[in-house]
Amino acid sequence: MWEDPIVAEVHRIREQLAAKFNYDVEAIFAPNGRYGAVNWRTIGVFLVGIAVEIPFMNASYPQFEGPAAHALSGADISWLVGFVITGALYFAVTPRDTARPG
């Protein structure tokens, strides 16, 4: 069977990183694996991120200008607002393991 060298290299690097960072690649794709099926905190943060970006959007298709973008003379800073808010919110809702590997 023919194999693309670029795809083979991507798979090789993925396996190396999985081994280096102790990821169980098979469990990532298993719904009942150790990583679980859905990270609901992340889904919630994603949805909040979409909601907080809307007032700052200025889109040409479909034509839409949010009130904050209008107040900023049409500047679309929704990406920046979404990045900052979702980053901070994700940091706030993600549990941290206080034990560090020795």
C-alpha atoms as a PDB file:
ATOM      1  CA  MET A   1       0.000   0.000   0.000  1.00  0.00           C
ATOM      2  CA  TRP A   2       1.242   3.472  -0.877  1.00  0.00           C
ATOM      3  CA  GLU A   3       2.010   5.785   2.029  1.00  0.00           C
ATOM      4  CA  ASP A   4       2.527   9.524   1.918  1.00  0.00           C
ATOM      5  CA  PRO A   5       5.853  10.443   3.561  1.00  0.00           C
ATOM      6  CA  ILE A   6       4.416  13.628   5.091  1.00  0.00           C
ATOM      7  CA  VAL A   7       1.524  11.739   6.702  1.00  0.00           C
ATOM      8  CA  ALA A   8       3.970   9.095   7.925  1.00  0.00           C
ATOM      9  CA  GLU A   9       6.131  11.803   9.496  1.00  0.00           C
ATOM     10  CA  VAL A  10       3.113  13.397  11.198  1.00  0.00           C
ATOM     11  CA  HIS A  11       2.173  10.016  12.672  1.00  0.00           C
ATOM     12  CA  ARG A  12       5.748   9.407  13.798  1.00  0.00           C
ATOM     13  CA  ILE A  13       5.934  12.794  15.544  1.00  0.00           C
ATOM     14  CA  ARG A  14       2.513  12.236  17.130  1.00  0.00           C
ATOM     15  CA  GLU A  15       3.671   8.900  18.555  1.00  0.00           C
ATOM     16  CA  GLN A  16       6.880  10.474  19.888  1.00  0.00           C
ATOM     17  CA  LEU A  17       4.975  13.295  21.585  1.00  0.00           C
ATOM     18  CA  ALA A  18       2.416  10.867  22.988  1.00  0.00           C
ATOM     19  CA  ALA A  19       5.210   8.815  24.515  1.00  0.00           C
ATOM     20  CA  LYS A  20       7.065  11.891  25.791  1.00  0.00           C
ATOM     21  CA  PHE A  21       4.018  13.419  27.499  1.00  0.00           C
ATOM     22  CA  ASN A  22       2.560  10.089  28.623  1.00  0.00           C
ATOM     23  CA  TYR A  23      -0.623  10.284  26.493  1.00  0.00           C
ATOM     24  CA  ASP A  24      -2.615   7.145  25.904  1.00  0.00           C
ATOM     25  CA  VAL A  25      -3.489   7.733  22.241  1.00  0.00           C
ATOM     26  CA  GLU A  26      -5.993   4.855  22.098  1.00  0.00           C
ATOM     27  CA  ALA A  27      -7.834   6.210  25.180  1.00  0.00           C
ATOM     28  CA  ILE A  28      -8.213   9.642  23.556  1.00  0.00           C
ATOM     29  CA  PHE A  29     -10.545   8.100  20.973  1.00  0.00           C
ATOM     30  CA  ALA A  30     -12.319   5.704  23.360  1.00  0.00           C
ATOM     31  CA  PRO A  31     -15.546   7.186  24.832  1.00  0.00           C
ATOM     32  CA  ASN A  32     -15.060   5.243  28.060  1.00  0.00           C
ATOM     33  CA  GLY A  33     -11.295   5.743  28.163  1.00  0.00           C
ATOM     34  CA  ARG A  34      -9.423   7.474  30.933  1.00  0.00           C
ATOM     35  CA  TYR A  35      -9.944  10.892  29.330  1.00  0.00           C
ATOM     36  CA  GLY A  36     -13.733  10.527  29.263  1.00  0.00           C
ATOM     37  CA  ALA A  37     -16.196  11.176  26.488  1.00  0.00           C
ATOM     38  CA  VAL A  38     -16.791  14.948  26.739  1.00  0.00           C
ATOM     39  CA  ASN A  39     -15.183  17.681  28.787  1.00  0.00           C
ATOM     40  CA  TRP A  40     -18.321  19.661  29.658  1.00  0.00           C
ATOM     41  CA  ARG A  41     -16.344  22.484  31.265  1.00  0.00           C
ATOM     42  CA  THR A  42     -14.569  23.076  27.975  1.00  0.00           C
ATOM     43  CA  ILE A  43     -17.829  22.960  25.995  1.00  0.00           C
ATOM     44  CA  GLY A  44     -19.309  25.540  28.400  1.00  0.00           C
ATOM     45  CA  VAL A  45     -16.284  27.823  28.054  1.00  0.00           C
ATOM     46  CA  PHE A  46     -16.511  27.491  24.261  1.00  0.00           C
ATOM     47  CA  LEU A  47     -20.192  28.525  24.260  1.00  0.00           C
ATOM     48  CA  VAL A  48     -19.530  31.471  26.607  1.00  0.00           C
ATOM     49  CA  GLY A  49     -16.704  32.507  24.275  1.00  0.00           C
ATOM     50  CA  ILE A  50     -19.066  32.604  21.313  1.00  0.00           C
ATOM     51  CA  ALA A  51     -21.614  34.626  23.277  1.00  0.00           C
ATOM     52  CA  VAL A  52     -19.122  37.261  24.477  1.00  0.00           C
ATOM     53  CA  GLU A  53     -17.706  37.728  20.961  1.00  0.00           C
ATOM     54  CA  ILE A  54     -21.035  38.601  19.315  1.00  0.00           C
ATOM     55  CA  PRO A  55     -21.247  42.251  20.472  1.00  0.00           C
ATOM     56  CA  PHE A  56     -17.702  42.861  19.180  1.00  0.00           C
ATOM     57  CA  MET A  57     -18.245  41.297  15.719  1.00  0.00           C
ATOM     58  CA  ASN A  58     -18.230  43.147  12.443  1.00  0.00           C
ATOM     59  CA  ALA A  59     -18.948  40.631   9.700  1.00  0.00           C
ATOM     60  CA  SER A  60     -19.505  41.247   6.014  1.00  0.00           C
ATOM     61  CA  TYR A  61     -21.339  37.954   5.436  1.00  0.00           C
ATOM     62  CA  PRO A  62     -23.871  37.736   6.867  1.00  0.00           C
ATOM     63  CA  GLN A  63     -23.895  41.493   7.278  1.00  0.00           C
ATOM     64  CA  PHE A  64     -23.734  42.099  11.010  1.00  0.00           C
ATOM     65  CA  GLU A  65     -22.201  44.734  13.231  1.00  0.00           C
ATOM     66  CA  GLY A  66     -22.445  44.258  16.963  1.00  0.00           C
ATOM     67  CA  PRO A  67     -23.089  47.221  19.261  1.00  0.00           C
ATOM     68  CA  ALA A  68     -19.562  47.233  20.680  1.00  0.00           C
ATOM     69  CA  ALA A  69     -18.038  47.065  17.183  1.00  0.00           C
ATOM     70  CA  HIS A  70     -20.303  49.917  16.124  1.00  0.00           C
ATOM     71  CA  ALA A  71     -19.133  51.964  19.118  1.00  0.00           C
ATOM     72  CA  LEU A  72     -15.549  51.239  18.060  1.00  0.00           C
ATOM     73  CA  SER A  73     -16.183  52.643  14.547  1.00  0.00           C
ATOM     74  CA  GLY A  74     -16.536  49.165  13.051  1.00  0.00           C
ATOM     75  CA  ALA A  75     -13.406  47.627  14.569  1.00  0.00           C
ATOM     76  CA  ASP A  76     -13.789  43.848  14.867  1.00  0.00           C
ATOM     77  CA  ILE A  77     -12.003  42.864  18.049  1.00  0.00           C
ATOM     78  CA  SER A  78     -14.178  39.822  18.711  1.00  0.00           C
ATOM     79  CA  TRP A  79     -11.173  37.498  18.303  1.00  0.00           C
ATOM     80  CA  LEU A  80      -9.264  39.372  21.005  1.00  0.00           C
ATOM     81  CA  VAL A  81     -12.205  39.492  23.415  1.00  0.00           C
ATOM     82  CA  GLY A  82     -12.890  35.794  22.829  1.00  0.00           C
ATOM     83  CA  PHE A  83      -9.245  34.881  23.360  1.00  0.00           C
ATOM     84  CA  VAL A  84      -8.911  36.781  26.627  1.00  0.00           C
ATOM     85  CA  ILE A  85     -12.285  35.839  28.138  1.00  0.00           C
ATOM     86  CA  THR A  86     -12.184  32.152  27.207  1.00  0.00           C
ATOM     87  CA  GLY A  87      -8.553  31.840  28.238  1.00  0.00           C
ATOM     88  CA  ALA A  88      -9.240  33.305  31.670  1.00  0.00           C
ATOM     89  CA  LEU A  89     -12.459  31.340  32.086  1.00  0.00           C
ATOM     90  CA  TYR A  90     -10.823  28.070  31.044  1.00  0.00           C
ATOM     91  CA  PHE A  91      -8.025  28.700  33.528  1.00  0.00           C
ATOM     92  CA  ALA A  92     -10.616  29.383  36.241  1.00  0.00           C
ATOM     93  CA  VAL A  93     -12.724  26.256  35.657  1.00  0.00           C
ATOM     94  CA  THR A  94      -9.944  23.746  35.025  1.00  0.00           C
ATOM     95  CA  PRO A  95      -8.966  21.749  38.106  1.00  0.00           C
ATOM     96  CA  ARG A  96      -5.269  21.795  38.871  1.00  0.00           C
ATOM     97  CA  ASP A  97      -3.260  18.912  40.170  1.00  0.00           C
ATOM     98  CA  THR A  98      -1.260  20.302  43.075  1.00  0.00           C
ATOM     99  CA  ALA A  99       1.064  17.310  43.234  1.00  0.00           C
ATOM    100  CA  ARG A 100       4.020  17.736  40.919  1.00  0.00           C
ATOM    101  CA  PRO A 101       5.933  14.768  39.595  1.00  0.00           C
ATOM    102  CA  GLY A 102       9.282  14.479  41.279  1.00  0.00           C
END
